[in-house]
N, C-alpha and C. Protein backbone atom coordinates (compact mmCIF):
# COMPACT_ATOMS: atom_id res chain seq x y z
N UNK A 1 0.89 -1.14 -0.02
CA UNK A 1 -0.03 0.04 0.02
C UNK A 1 0.92 1.24 0.00
N UNK A 2 0.58 2.25 -0.80
CA UNK A 2 1.39 3.41 -0.92
C UNK A 2 1.08 4.41 0.21
N UNK A 3 1.99 5.31 0.36
CA UNK A 3 1.86 6.36 1.52
C UNK A 3 0.53 7.13 1.14
N UNK A 4 0.27 7.43 -0.16
CA UNK A 4 -0.99 8.22 -0.45
C UNK A 4 -2.11 7.34 -0.17
N UNK A 5 -2.21 6.10 -0.48
CA UNK A 5 -3.29 5.28 -0.17
C UNK A 5 -3.62 5.11 1.33
N UNK A 6 -2.47 5.11 2.16
CA UNK A 6 -2.67 4.99 3.60
C UNK A 6 -3.09 6.21 4.22
N UNK A 7 -2.97 7.35 3.50
CA UNK A 7 -3.21 8.67 4.14
C UNK A 7 -4.39 9.45 3.44
N UNK A 8 -5.17 8.78 2.71
CA UNK A 8 -6.30 9.42 2.16
C UNK A 8 -7.24 9.88 3.16
N UNK A 9 -7.28 9.09 4.26
CA UNK A 9 -8.15 9.47 5.48
C UNK A 9 -7.43 9.31 6.65
N UNK A 10 -7.42 10.32 7.63
CA UNK A 10 -6.62 10.19 8.88
C UNK A 10 -7.69 9.97 10.03
N UNK A 11 -7.24 9.18 10.89
CA UNK A 11 -7.99 9.02 12.08
C UNK A 11 -7.73 10.13 13.12
N UNK A 12 -8.39 10.07 14.32
CA UNK A 12 -8.26 11.06 15.29
C UNK A 12 -6.91 11.17 15.78
N UNK A 13 -6.39 10.04 16.11
CA UNK A 13 -4.96 10.08 16.60
C UNK A 13 -3.99 10.60 15.55
N UNK A 14 -4.01 10.30 14.44
CA UNK A 14 -3.16 10.85 13.37
C UNK A 14 -3.34 12.32 13.22
N UNK A 15 -4.60 12.81 13.33
CA UNK A 15 -4.73 14.29 13.22
C UNK A 15 -4.05 14.98 14.51
N UNK A 16 -4.26 14.43 15.61
CA UNK A 16 -3.67 14.90 16.73
C UNK A 16 -2.02 15.00 16.48
N UNK A 17 -1.48 13.83 16.10
CA UNK A 17 0.03 13.74 15.90
C UNK A 17 0.35 14.80 14.88
N UNK A 18 -0.50 14.93 13.78
CA UNK A 18 -0.24 15.92 12.77
C UNK A 18 0.09 17.36 13.30
N UNK A 19 -0.90 17.77 14.15
CA UNK A 19 -0.90 19.03 14.63
C UNK A 19 0.15 19.24 15.76
N UNK A 20 0.55 18.18 16.49
CA UNK A 20 1.75 18.22 17.39
C UNK A 20 2.87 18.62 16.48
N UNK A 21 3.02 18.02 15.31
CA UNK A 21 4.15 18.19 14.39
C UNK A 21 4.02 19.68 13.92
N UNK A 22 2.90 20.10 13.58
CA UNK A 22 2.70 21.48 13.12
C UNK A 22 3.26 22.52 14.15
N UNK A 23 2.86 22.22 15.49
CA UNK A 23 3.24 23.06 16.55
C UNK A 23 4.76 23.13 16.63
N UNK A 24 5.38 21.96 16.53
CA UNK A 24 6.83 21.92 16.53
C UNK A 24 7.52 22.76 15.52
N UNK A 25 6.90 22.87 14.27
CA UNK A 25 7.49 23.56 13.27
C UNK A 25 7.20 24.99 13.44
N UNK A 26 6.06 25.45 13.87
CA UNK A 26 5.83 26.82 14.15
C UNK A 26 6.80 27.35 15.12
N UNK A 27 6.98 26.59 16.27
CA UNK A 27 7.87 26.94 17.33
C UNK A 27 9.30 27.11 16.81
N UNK A 28 9.74 26.17 15.97
CA UNK A 28 11.07 26.23 15.33
C UNK A 28 11.20 27.60 14.54
N UNK A 29 10.08 27.97 13.90
CA UNK A 29 10.16 29.19 13.08
C UNK A 29 9.96 30.52 13.84
N UNK A 30 9.94 30.43 15.25
CA UNK A 30 9.87 31.60 16.09
C UNK A 30 10.76 32.80 15.72
N UNK A 31 12.05 32.54 15.46
CA UNK A 31 12.94 33.58 15.09
C UNK A 31 12.59 34.19 13.81
N UNK A 32 12.18 33.35 12.73
CA UNK A 32 11.85 33.82 11.45
C UNK A 32 10.57 34.78 11.52
N UNK A 33 9.52 34.22 12.25
CA UNK A 33 8.29 34.89 12.43
C UNK A 33 8.57 36.30 13.07
N UNK A 34 9.46 36.19 14.11
CA UNK A 34 9.74 37.48 14.85
C UNK A 34 10.40 38.58 13.83
N UNK A 35 11.38 37.98 13.02
CA UNK A 35 12.00 38.90 11.99
C UNK A 35 10.93 39.50 11.10
N UNK A 36 10.14 38.59 10.46
CA UNK A 36 9.11 39.14 9.62
C UNK A 36 8.30 40.25 10.30
N UNK A 37 7.77 39.88 11.47
CA UNK A 37 6.86 40.80 12.10
C UNK A 37 7.55 42.10 12.57
N UNK A 38 8.80 42.02 12.80
CA UNK A 38 9.62 43.18 13.30
C UNK A 38 9.82 44.34 12.16
N UNK A 39 9.67 43.81 10.97
CA UNK A 39 9.92 44.81 9.84
C UNK A 39 8.72 45.77 9.86
N UNK A 40 7.50 45.38 10.07
CA UNK A 40 6.48 46.28 9.93
C UNK A 40 5.43 46.19 11.12
N UNK A 41 5.64 45.28 12.09
CA UNK A 41 4.71 45.09 13.12
C UNK A 41 5.30 45.27 14.49
N UNK A 42 4.71 44.63 15.48
CA UNK A 42 5.15 44.84 16.87
C UNK A 42 6.40 43.89 17.23
N UNK A 43 6.63 42.95 16.34
CA UNK A 43 7.83 42.01 16.53
C UNK A 43 7.49 40.96 17.45
N UNK A 44 6.20 40.71 17.87
CA UNK A 44 5.85 39.68 18.89
C UNK A 44 5.07 38.60 18.28
N UNK A 45 4.91 38.47 16.98
CA UNK A 45 4.17 37.52 16.45
C UNK A 45 4.74 36.09 16.68
N UNK A 46 6.07 35.98 16.35
CA UNK A 46 6.82 34.72 16.66
C UNK A 46 6.61 34.18 18.02
N UNK A 47 6.73 35.13 19.02
CA UNK A 47 6.63 34.73 20.40
C UNK A 47 5.13 34.27 20.65
N UNK A 48 4.18 35.09 20.15
CA UNK A 48 2.80 34.64 20.41
C UNK A 48 2.42 33.25 19.90
N UNK A 49 2.89 33.06 18.62
CA UNK A 49 2.62 31.71 17.99
C UNK A 49 3.28 30.59 18.69
N UNK A 50 4.42 30.80 19.20
CA UNK A 50 5.18 29.77 19.86
C UNK A 50 4.47 29.46 21.27
N UNK A 51 4.00 30.46 21.94
CA UNK A 51 3.43 30.30 23.16
C UNK A 51 2.10 29.55 22.96
N UNK A 52 1.31 29.89 21.87
CA UNK A 52 0.08 29.37 21.48
C UNK A 52 0.22 27.82 21.33
N UNK A 53 1.24 27.49 20.49
CA UNK A 53 1.37 26.07 20.04
C UNK A 53 1.92 25.16 21.35
N UNK A 54 2.78 25.83 22.11
CA UNK A 54 3.30 25.03 23.33
C UNK A 54 2.09 24.81 24.10
N UNK A 55 1.13 25.72 24.43
CA UNK A 55 0.03 25.46 25.14
C UNK A 55 -0.87 24.31 24.41
N UNK A 56 -1.01 24.42 23.22
CA UNK A 56 -1.78 23.43 22.40
C UNK A 56 -1.24 22.05 22.62
N UNK A 57 0.20 22.03 22.62
CA UNK A 57 0.91 20.67 22.71
C UNK A 57 0.61 20.17 24.16
N UNK A 58 0.69 20.96 25.16
CA UNK A 58 0.39 20.48 26.59
C UNK A 58 -1.02 19.94 26.61
N UNK A 59 -1.98 20.68 26.17
CA UNK A 59 -3.38 20.25 26.22
C UNK A 59 -3.71 18.99 25.34
N UNK A 60 -3.14 18.97 24.14
CA UNK A 60 -3.27 17.78 23.34
C UNK A 60 -2.80 16.47 23.95
N UNK A 61 -1.68 16.58 24.61
CA UNK A 61 -1.05 15.52 25.24
C UNK A 61 -1.60 15.06 26.62
N UNK A 62 -2.56 15.82 27.17
CA UNK A 62 -3.27 15.46 28.31
C UNK A 62 -4.30 14.41 28.33
N UNK A 63 -4.78 14.17 26.93
CA UNK A 63 -5.88 13.07 27.00
C UNK A 63 -5.92 12.50 25.62
N UNK A 64 -6.71 11.46 25.43
CA UNK A 64 -7.03 10.89 24.13
C UNK A 64 -8.35 11.55 23.64
N UNK A 65 -8.37 11.67 22.34
CA UNK A 65 -9.57 12.31 21.69
C UNK A 65 -10.41 11.28 20.90
N UNK A 66 -11.59 11.47 20.86
CA UNK A 66 -12.47 10.69 20.10
C UNK A 66 -13.06 11.27 18.76
N UNK A 67 -12.91 12.51 18.81
CA UNK A 67 -13.36 13.24 17.46
C UNK A 67 -12.28 14.29 17.02
N UNK A 68 -12.30 14.50 15.67
CA UNK A 68 -11.53 15.57 15.09
C UNK A 68 -11.91 16.88 15.65
N UNK A 69 -13.13 17.21 15.93
CA UNK A 69 -13.64 18.34 16.43
C UNK A 69 -13.00 18.86 17.69
N UNK A 70 -12.83 17.88 18.66
CA UNK A 70 -12.25 18.06 19.87
C UNK A 70 -10.79 18.54 19.80
N UNK A 71 -10.06 17.80 18.74
CA UNK A 71 -8.68 18.22 18.54
C UNK A 71 -8.54 19.69 18.16
N UNK A 72 -9.46 20.03 17.23
CA UNK A 72 -9.35 21.52 16.80
C UNK A 72 -9.81 22.45 17.87
N UNK A 73 -10.87 22.09 18.58
CA UNK A 73 -11.31 22.92 19.75
C UNK A 73 -10.17 23.08 20.74
N UNK A 74 -9.43 22.12 21.08
CA UNK A 74 -8.52 22.15 21.99
C UNK A 74 -7.29 23.13 21.57
N UNK A 75 -6.97 22.91 20.28
CA UNK A 75 -5.81 23.88 19.71
C UNK A 75 -6.33 25.29 19.88
N UNK A 76 -7.58 25.55 19.38
CA UNK A 76 -8.10 26.88 19.31
C UNK A 76 -8.26 27.48 20.67
N UNK A 77 -8.72 26.76 21.66
CA UNK A 77 -8.89 27.29 23.02
C UNK A 77 -7.38 27.61 23.62
N UNK A 78 -6.54 26.64 23.41
CA UNK A 78 -5.24 26.90 23.90
C UNK A 78 -4.64 28.24 23.48
N UNK A 79 -4.86 28.49 22.23
CA UNK A 79 -4.30 29.67 21.65
C UNK A 79 -4.98 30.97 22.18
N UNK A 80 -6.29 30.88 22.26
CA UNK A 80 -7.00 31.98 22.76
C UNK A 80 -6.56 32.31 24.24
N UNK A 81 -6.37 31.30 24.96
CA UNK A 81 -6.13 31.52 26.50
C UNK A 81 -4.69 31.82 26.73
N UNK A 82 -3.80 31.40 25.86
CA UNK A 82 -2.44 31.57 26.23
C UNK A 82 -1.69 32.77 25.51
N UNK A 83 -2.19 33.11 24.25
CA UNK A 83 -1.57 34.16 23.40
C UNK A 83 -2.17 35.47 23.86
N UNK A 84 -3.42 35.65 24.04
CA UNK A 84 -4.04 36.82 24.34
C UNK A 84 -3.94 37.81 23.07
N UNK A 85 -4.57 38.90 23.14
CA UNK A 85 -4.68 39.91 21.98
C UNK A 85 -5.30 39.39 20.87
N UNK A 86 -5.20 40.23 19.80
CA UNK A 86 -5.90 39.89 18.50
C UNK A 86 -5.43 38.59 17.80
N UNK A 87 -4.08 38.37 17.87
CA UNK A 87 -3.57 37.14 17.27
C UNK A 87 -4.12 35.85 17.80
N UNK A 88 -4.24 35.89 19.24
CA UNK A 88 -4.75 34.75 19.88
C UNK A 88 -6.20 34.46 19.52
N UNK A 89 -6.96 35.54 19.42
CA UNK A 89 -8.44 35.34 18.99
C UNK A 89 -8.59 34.95 17.65
N UNK A 90 -7.69 35.47 16.66
CA UNK A 90 -7.85 35.15 15.30
C UNK A 90 -7.46 33.76 14.99
N UNK A 91 -6.17 33.38 15.39
CA UNK A 91 -5.70 31.98 15.28
C UNK A 91 -6.47 31.02 16.00
N UNK A 92 -7.06 31.36 17.14
CA UNK A 92 -8.00 30.44 17.86
C UNK A 92 -9.26 30.25 17.05
N UNK A 93 -9.67 31.29 16.47
CA UNK A 93 -10.82 31.17 15.61
C UNK A 93 -10.51 30.34 14.48
N UNK A 94 -9.37 30.32 13.84
CA UNK A 94 -9.04 29.53 12.73
C UNK A 94 -9.28 28.01 13.05
N UNK A 95 -9.06 27.66 14.29
CA UNK A 95 -9.21 26.26 14.67
C UNK A 95 -10.64 26.04 15.24
N UNK A 96 -11.07 26.87 16.04
CA UNK A 96 -12.48 26.60 16.66
C UNK A 96 -13.52 26.89 15.76
N UNK A 97 -13.41 27.98 14.98
CA UNK A 97 -14.41 28.27 14.00
C UNK A 97 -14.73 27.27 12.98
N UNK A 98 -13.63 26.54 12.57
CA UNK A 98 -13.78 25.54 11.62
C UNK A 98 -14.69 24.35 12.00
N UNK A 99 -14.78 24.01 13.26
CA UNK A 99 -15.55 22.88 13.66
C UNK A 99 -16.81 23.23 14.35
N UNK A 100 -17.12 24.51 14.46
CA UNK A 100 -18.30 25.01 15.13
C UNK A 100 -19.59 24.58 14.37
N UNK A 101 -20.47 23.96 15.05
CA UNK A 101 -21.70 23.39 14.29
C UNK A 101 -21.40 22.27 13.26
N UNK A 102 -20.15 21.69 13.33
CA UNK A 102 -19.73 20.63 12.47
C UNK A 102 -20.14 19.33 13.24
N UNK A 103 -20.87 18.47 12.48
CA UNK A 103 -21.16 17.20 13.14
C UNK A 103 -19.92 16.41 13.60
N UNK A 104 -20.01 15.76 14.80
CA UNK A 104 -18.76 15.03 15.28
C UNK A 104 -18.30 14.09 14.20
N UNK A 105 -17.05 14.18 14.02
CA UNK A 105 -16.40 13.25 12.91
C UNK A 105 -15.03 12.74 13.43
N UNK A 106 -14.87 11.45 13.06
CA UNK A 106 -13.67 10.74 13.62
C UNK A 106 -12.59 10.47 12.47
N UNK A 107 -12.87 11.07 11.30
CA UNK A 107 -11.97 10.95 10.21
C UNK A 107 -11.72 12.16 9.52
N UNK A 108 -10.56 12.42 8.98
CA UNK A 108 -10.28 13.58 8.22
C UNK A 108 -9.86 13.17 6.75
N UNK A 109 -10.68 13.61 5.75
CA UNK A 109 -10.27 13.49 4.39
C UNK A 109 -10.39 14.77 3.70
N UNK A 110 -10.22 14.68 2.32
CA UNK A 110 -10.01 15.95 1.65
C UNK A 110 -11.28 16.80 1.81
N UNK A 111 -12.34 16.19 1.71
CA UNK A 111 -13.71 16.92 1.76
C UNK A 111 -13.87 17.64 3.12
N UNK A 112 -13.42 16.87 4.10
CA UNK A 112 -13.62 17.38 5.55
C UNK A 112 -12.64 18.47 5.80
N UNK A 113 -11.50 18.41 5.42
CA UNK A 113 -10.42 19.37 5.69
C UNK A 113 -10.82 20.70 4.95
N UNK A 114 -11.40 20.56 3.71
CA UNK A 114 -11.83 21.65 2.94
C UNK A 114 -13.05 22.42 3.65
N UNK A 115 -13.95 21.64 4.23
CA UNK A 115 -15.09 22.04 4.88
C UNK A 115 -14.61 22.84 6.20
N UNK A 116 -13.77 22.22 6.82
CA UNK A 116 -13.32 22.78 8.05
C UNK A 116 -12.64 24.13 7.86
N UNK A 117 -11.72 24.26 7.04
CA UNK A 117 -10.98 25.52 6.80
C UNK A 117 -11.80 26.60 6.10
N UNK A 118 -12.73 26.03 5.33
CA UNK A 118 -13.77 27.07 4.69
C UNK A 118 -14.49 27.82 5.81
N UNK A 119 -14.98 27.08 6.82
CA UNK A 119 -15.70 27.57 7.94
C UNK A 119 -14.74 28.44 8.76
N UNK A 120 -13.51 28.06 8.85
CA UNK A 120 -12.46 28.83 9.61
C UNK A 120 -12.41 30.28 8.93
N UNK A 121 -12.18 30.20 7.59
CA UNK A 121 -12.08 31.45 6.84
C UNK A 121 -13.26 32.48 7.09
N UNK A 122 -14.41 31.84 7.00
CA UNK A 122 -15.64 32.52 7.25
C UNK A 122 -15.71 33.21 8.61
N UNK A 123 -15.47 32.29 9.61
CA UNK A 123 -15.40 32.75 11.05
C UNK A 123 -14.44 33.99 11.27
N UNK A 124 -13.25 33.73 10.70
CA UNK A 124 -12.30 34.83 10.85
C UNK A 124 -12.61 36.23 10.18
N UNK A 125 -13.31 35.98 9.00
CA UNK A 125 -13.70 37.24 8.26
C UNK A 125 -14.75 37.99 9.14
N UNK A 126 -15.70 37.20 9.74
CA UNK A 126 -16.77 37.77 10.60
C UNK A 126 -16.15 38.40 11.84
N UNK A 127 -15.19 37.78 12.37
CA UNK A 127 -14.58 38.33 13.74
C UNK A 127 -13.63 39.45 13.42
N UNK A 128 -12.74 39.32 12.36
CA UNK A 128 -11.73 40.23 12.17
C UNK A 128 -12.00 41.37 11.17
N UNK A 129 -13.08 41.21 10.36
CA UNK A 129 -13.49 42.23 9.32
C UNK A 129 -12.49 42.42 8.25
N UNK A 130 -11.57 41.53 8.14
CA UNK A 130 -10.54 41.65 7.08
C UNK A 130 -10.93 40.91 5.80
N UNK A 131 -10.41 41.40 4.65
CA UNK A 131 -10.63 40.75 3.37
C UNK A 131 -9.52 40.51 2.67
N UNK A 132 -9.51 39.81 1.58
CA UNK A 132 -8.24 39.48 0.78
C UNK A 132 -7.71 40.88 0.17
N UNK A 133 -6.52 41.00 0.42
CA UNK A 133 -5.75 42.31 -0.03
C UNK A 133 -5.58 43.21 1.17
N UNK A 134 -5.91 42.83 2.35
CA UNK A 134 -5.74 43.78 3.50
C UNK A 134 -4.42 43.51 4.31
N UNK A 135 -3.65 42.67 3.72
CA UNK A 135 -2.30 42.29 4.35
C UNK A 135 -2.46 41.75 5.74
N UNK A 136 -3.28 40.64 5.80
CA UNK A 136 -3.41 39.76 7.02
C UNK A 136 -3.29 38.36 6.61
N UNK A 137 -3.61 37.49 7.69
CA UNK A 137 -3.58 35.98 7.39
C UNK A 137 -4.59 35.59 6.38
N UNK A 138 -5.65 36.43 6.16
CA UNK A 138 -6.53 36.01 5.12
C UNK A 138 -5.91 35.87 3.73
N UNK A 139 -4.87 36.59 3.52
CA UNK A 139 -4.22 36.56 2.14
C UNK A 139 -3.49 35.20 1.84
N UNK A 140 -3.21 34.55 2.87
CA UNK A 140 -2.76 33.09 2.62
C UNK A 140 -3.85 32.14 2.99
N UNK A 141 -4.71 32.39 3.86
CA UNK A 141 -5.77 31.36 4.17
C UNK A 141 -6.90 31.21 3.11
N UNK A 142 -7.27 32.34 2.50
CA UNK A 142 -8.25 32.25 1.51
C UNK A 142 -7.85 31.42 0.25
N UNK A 143 -6.56 31.84 -0.32
CA UNK A 143 -6.09 30.99 -1.48
C UNK A 143 -5.96 29.52 -1.13
N UNK A 144 -5.52 29.13 0.13
CA UNK A 144 -5.28 27.90 0.63
C UNK A 144 -6.68 27.14 0.59
N UNK A 145 -7.75 27.80 1.12
CA UNK A 145 -8.99 27.16 1.26
C UNK A 145 -9.57 26.94 -0.22
N UNK A 146 -9.32 27.87 -1.07
CA UNK A 146 -9.76 27.74 -2.49
C UNK A 146 -9.09 26.53 -3.03
N UNK A 147 -7.78 26.23 -2.78
CA UNK A 147 -7.08 25.00 -3.31
C UNK A 147 -7.68 23.88 -2.68
N UNK A 148 -8.01 23.85 -1.35
CA UNK A 148 -8.64 22.65 -0.76
C UNK A 148 -9.89 22.32 -1.41
N UNK A 149 -10.79 23.30 -1.63
CA UNK A 149 -12.01 23.11 -2.28
C UNK A 149 -12.05 22.65 -3.66
N UNK A 150 -10.98 23.06 -4.43
CA UNK A 150 -10.78 22.66 -5.76
C UNK A 150 -10.43 21.12 -5.76
N UNK A 151 -9.52 20.75 -4.73
CA UNK A 151 -9.07 19.38 -4.64
C UNK A 151 -10.25 18.52 -4.25
N UNK A 152 -11.10 19.00 -3.35
CA UNK A 152 -12.26 18.16 -2.88
C UNK A 152 -13.18 17.89 -4.20
N UNK A 153 -13.35 19.08 -4.92
CA UNK A 153 -14.33 18.98 -6.04
C UNK A 153 -13.75 17.95 -7.15
N UNK A 154 -12.45 17.82 -7.17
CA UNK A 154 -11.80 16.85 -8.10
C UNK A 154 -11.59 15.48 -7.44
N UNK A 155 -12.01 15.34 -6.24
CA UNK A 155 -11.83 14.09 -5.49
C UNK A 155 -10.33 13.60 -5.44
N UNK A 156 -9.52 14.64 -5.21
CA UNK A 156 -8.06 14.39 -4.96
C UNK A 156 -7.74 13.93 -3.60
N UNK A 157 -6.66 13.31 -3.49
CA UNK A 157 -6.11 12.70 -2.24
C UNK A 157 -5.87 13.84 -1.15
N UNK A 158 -5.88 13.51 0.03
CA UNK A 158 -5.74 14.47 1.03
C UNK A 158 -4.21 15.06 0.97
N UNK A 159 -3.24 14.29 0.48
CA UNK A 159 -1.93 14.80 0.40
C UNK A 159 -1.83 15.78 -0.81
N UNK A 160 -2.55 15.52 -1.91
CA UNK A 160 -2.54 16.36 -3.07
C UNK A 160 -3.16 17.65 -2.61
N UNK A 161 -4.24 17.57 -1.88
CA UNK A 161 -4.99 18.69 -1.48
C UNK A 161 -4.23 19.61 -0.55
N UNK A 162 -3.33 19.13 0.37
CA UNK A 162 -2.51 19.93 1.18
C UNK A 162 -1.38 20.51 0.40
N UNK A 163 -0.86 19.76 -0.62
CA UNK A 163 0.19 20.25 -1.48
C UNK A 163 -0.32 21.56 -2.13
N UNK A 164 -1.48 21.32 -2.73
CA UNK A 164 -2.15 22.58 -3.40
C UNK A 164 -2.36 23.67 -2.38
N UNK A 165 -2.82 23.39 -1.22
CA UNK A 165 -3.05 24.44 -0.22
C UNK A 165 -1.84 25.19 0.12
N UNK A 166 -0.75 24.40 0.23
CA UNK A 166 0.55 24.89 0.69
C UNK A 166 1.07 25.98 -0.37
N UNK A 167 0.89 25.43 -1.62
CA UNK A 167 1.39 26.27 -2.89
C UNK A 167 0.63 27.56 -2.91
N UNK A 168 -0.70 27.50 -2.68
CA UNK A 168 -1.44 28.74 -2.82
C UNK A 168 -1.28 29.63 -1.59
N UNK A 169 -1.04 29.18 -0.44
CA UNK A 169 -0.70 29.94 0.77
C UNK A 169 0.68 30.64 0.41
N UNK A 170 1.56 29.95 -0.05
CA UNK A 170 2.92 30.49 -0.23
C UNK A 170 2.81 31.66 -1.24
N UNK A 171 2.02 31.47 -2.31
CA UNK A 171 1.81 32.70 -3.33
C UNK A 171 1.09 33.73 -2.53
N UNK A 172 0.12 33.48 -1.73
CA UNK A 172 -0.56 34.48 -0.88
C UNK A 172 0.29 35.29 -0.08
N UNK A 173 1.23 34.66 0.52
CA UNK A 173 2.28 35.38 1.41
C UNK A 173 3.05 36.34 0.54
N UNK A 174 3.53 35.81 -0.57
CA UNK A 174 4.33 36.60 -1.58
C UNK A 174 3.49 37.90 -1.98
N UNK A 175 2.22 37.65 -2.18
CA UNK A 175 1.32 38.72 -2.60
C UNK A 175 1.10 39.89 -1.54
N UNK A 176 1.37 39.46 -0.20
CA UNK A 176 1.13 40.43 0.68
C UNK A 176 2.23 41.63 0.64
N UNK A 177 3.36 41.29 0.11
CA UNK A 177 4.38 42.30 -0.07
C UNK A 177 3.83 43.45 -0.88
N UNK A 178 2.83 43.24 -1.76
CA UNK A 178 2.40 44.31 -2.72
C UNK A 178 1.28 45.03 -2.01
N UNK A 179 0.77 44.70 -0.87
CA UNK A 179 -0.43 45.29 -0.26
C UNK A 179 -0.09 46.37 0.78
N UNK A 180 -0.97 47.35 0.97
CA UNK A 180 -0.94 48.35 2.16
C UNK A 180 -1.73 47.77 3.13
N UNK A 181 -1.21 47.78 4.40
CA UNK A 181 -1.90 47.06 5.49
C UNK A 181 -3.13 47.88 5.94
N UNK A 182 -4.18 47.13 6.31
CA UNK A 182 -5.42 47.81 6.68
C UNK A 182 -5.62 47.57 8.21
N UNK A 183 -4.68 46.82 8.76
CA UNK A 183 -4.87 46.38 10.31
C UNK A 183 -3.63 46.47 10.92
N UNK A 184 -3.65 46.51 12.35
CA UNK A 184 -2.36 46.56 13.13
C UNK A 184 -1.45 47.65 12.93
N UNK A 185 -0.31 47.52 13.55
CA UNK A 185 0.71 48.59 13.58
C UNK A 185 1.11 48.92 12.25
N UNK A 186 1.20 47.94 11.22
CA UNK A 186 1.55 48.29 9.88
C UNK A 186 0.65 49.27 9.18
N UNK A 187 -0.60 49.29 9.63
CA UNK A 187 -1.58 50.20 9.06
C UNK A 187 -1.03 51.63 8.98
N UNK A 188 -0.31 51.95 10.17
CA UNK A 188 0.17 53.41 10.24
C UNK A 188 1.27 53.71 9.26
N UNK A 189 1.84 52.68 8.65
CA UNK A 189 2.94 52.81 7.89
C UNK A 189 2.62 53.24 6.35
N UNK A 190 1.35 52.94 6.05
CA UNK A 190 0.90 53.26 4.73
C UNK A 190 1.62 52.45 3.67
N UNK A 191 2.03 53.24 2.65
CA UNK A 191 2.76 52.54 1.60
C UNK A 191 4.18 52.02 1.89
N UNK A 192 4.65 52.58 3.07
CA UNK A 192 6.07 52.04 3.49
C UNK A 192 5.95 50.61 3.94
N UNK A 193 4.78 50.03 4.06
CA UNK A 193 4.64 48.58 4.34
C UNK A 193 4.84 47.77 3.13
N UNK A 194 4.64 48.43 2.03
CA UNK A 194 4.89 47.63 0.70
C UNK A 194 6.22 47.18 0.65
N UNK A 195 6.42 45.91 0.21
CA UNK A 195 7.81 45.16 0.04
C UNK A 195 8.02 44.27 1.25
N UNK A 196 7.02 44.28 2.10
CA UNK A 196 7.29 43.41 3.42
C UNK A 196 6.02 42.45 3.35
N UNK A 197 6.32 41.18 3.71
CA UNK A 197 5.27 40.27 3.83
C UNK A 197 4.65 40.25 5.20
N UNK A 198 3.32 39.80 5.38
CA UNK A 198 2.61 39.69 6.49
C UNK A 198 2.92 38.55 7.37
N UNK A 199 3.15 38.84 8.66
CA UNK A 199 3.66 37.67 9.51
C UNK A 199 2.56 36.61 9.77
N UNK A 200 1.21 37.18 9.91
CA UNK A 200 0.05 36.29 10.17
C UNK A 200 -0.07 35.21 8.84
N UNK A 201 0.00 35.81 7.76
CA UNK A 201 -0.05 35.01 6.50
C UNK A 201 1.07 33.99 6.43
N UNK A 202 2.25 34.46 6.93
CA UNK A 202 3.41 33.56 6.98
C UNK A 202 3.12 32.42 7.92
N UNK A 203 2.56 32.59 8.99
CA UNK A 203 2.18 31.56 9.94
C UNK A 203 1.20 30.52 9.29
N UNK A 204 0.27 31.10 8.55
CA UNK A 204 -0.82 30.24 7.86
C UNK A 204 0.02 29.32 6.83
N UNK A 205 0.92 29.84 6.08
CA UNK A 205 1.69 29.11 5.29
C UNK A 205 2.48 28.01 5.91
N UNK A 206 3.13 28.35 7.10
CA UNK A 206 3.88 27.32 7.77
C UNK A 206 3.00 26.16 8.29
N UNK A 207 1.79 26.55 8.62
CA UNK A 207 0.84 25.47 9.13
C UNK A 207 0.56 24.52 8.08
N UNK A 208 0.10 25.07 6.88
CA UNK A 208 -0.07 24.17 5.81
C UNK A 208 1.04 23.36 5.26
N UNK A 209 2.17 24.05 5.17
CA UNK A 209 3.41 23.37 4.80
C UNK A 209 3.67 22.22 5.84
N UNK A 210 3.58 22.43 7.05
CA UNK A 210 3.89 21.33 7.99
C UNK A 210 2.95 20.23 8.05
N UNK A 211 1.63 20.53 7.81
CA UNK A 211 0.62 19.47 7.67
C UNK A 211 0.93 18.60 6.47
N UNK A 212 1.41 19.26 5.32
CA UNK A 212 1.81 18.36 4.19
C UNK A 212 3.07 17.62 4.49
N UNK A 213 4.07 18.17 5.20
CA UNK A 213 5.23 17.40 5.55
C UNK A 213 4.98 16.16 6.42
N UNK A 214 4.09 16.41 7.40
CA UNK A 214 3.80 15.26 8.23
C UNK A 214 3.14 14.18 7.45
N UNK A 215 2.16 14.55 6.55
CA UNK A 215 1.44 13.56 5.85
C UNK A 215 2.25 12.82 4.81
N UNK A 216 3.35 13.50 4.36
CA UNK A 216 4.15 12.81 3.47
C UNK A 216 4.91 11.69 4.01
N UNK A 217 5.32 11.85 5.37
CA UNK A 217 5.94 10.83 6.02
C UNK A 217 4.91 9.82 6.62
N UNK A 218 3.74 10.32 6.86
CA UNK A 218 2.53 9.40 7.12
C UNK A 218 2.69 8.19 7.95
N UNK A 219 3.12 8.38 9.25
CA UNK A 219 3.08 7.47 10.29
C UNK A 219 1.80 6.50 10.36
N UNK A 220 1.80 5.22 10.44
CA UNK A 220 0.65 4.54 10.72
C UNK A 220 0.38 4.36 12.14
N UNK A 221 -0.86 3.87 12.52
CA UNK A 221 -1.09 3.51 13.88
C UNK A 221 -1.02 2.06 14.16
N UNK A 222 -0.40 1.36 13.21
CA UNK A 222 -0.34 -0.11 13.41
C UNK A 222 0.70 -0.47 14.46
């Protein structure tokens, strides 16, 4: 059986393990995210994301989960409670908003991951009032979601879907260099923020990149 065949659907333990890996990678990128944010922001984004995912790691390791929903909720609540500020709320919403009103599920496939992150995108837009082109995490998340939905419509594998989402998110980060910021400290810089990428969008790219990396290695539960 190929890696792709084994990972078309992930069970709850695999989803938990995948996001533990995602957390490790975000924490590893703390200096990079700090550097990106320091250029036009407060310089604390890397610290906040690291704190958030360390809290998520602790809470994920405290118990076994029976649904994908609870894995996402645990990550989101950990980020809201530990990070504080706008970033904590927005990234917490990225995880909690995606599973709000979602029927309990114990498997993650291409269709489900597209549905979850589509709901995440909608929830973040409602809460943060940002749109594509405002130089926020939306600029990476919305293209990634469109990639996931395209993959779901084509019945592509979960790995292919995450590869597409990663590429779209990376392009979205690159595009933020061309935008004037509408939110945060960078807003006051006006056109001086042009040429610099958004830190939140960069974090979204790292999250999807890390999900893809974990899935390519695809540990089994055997």
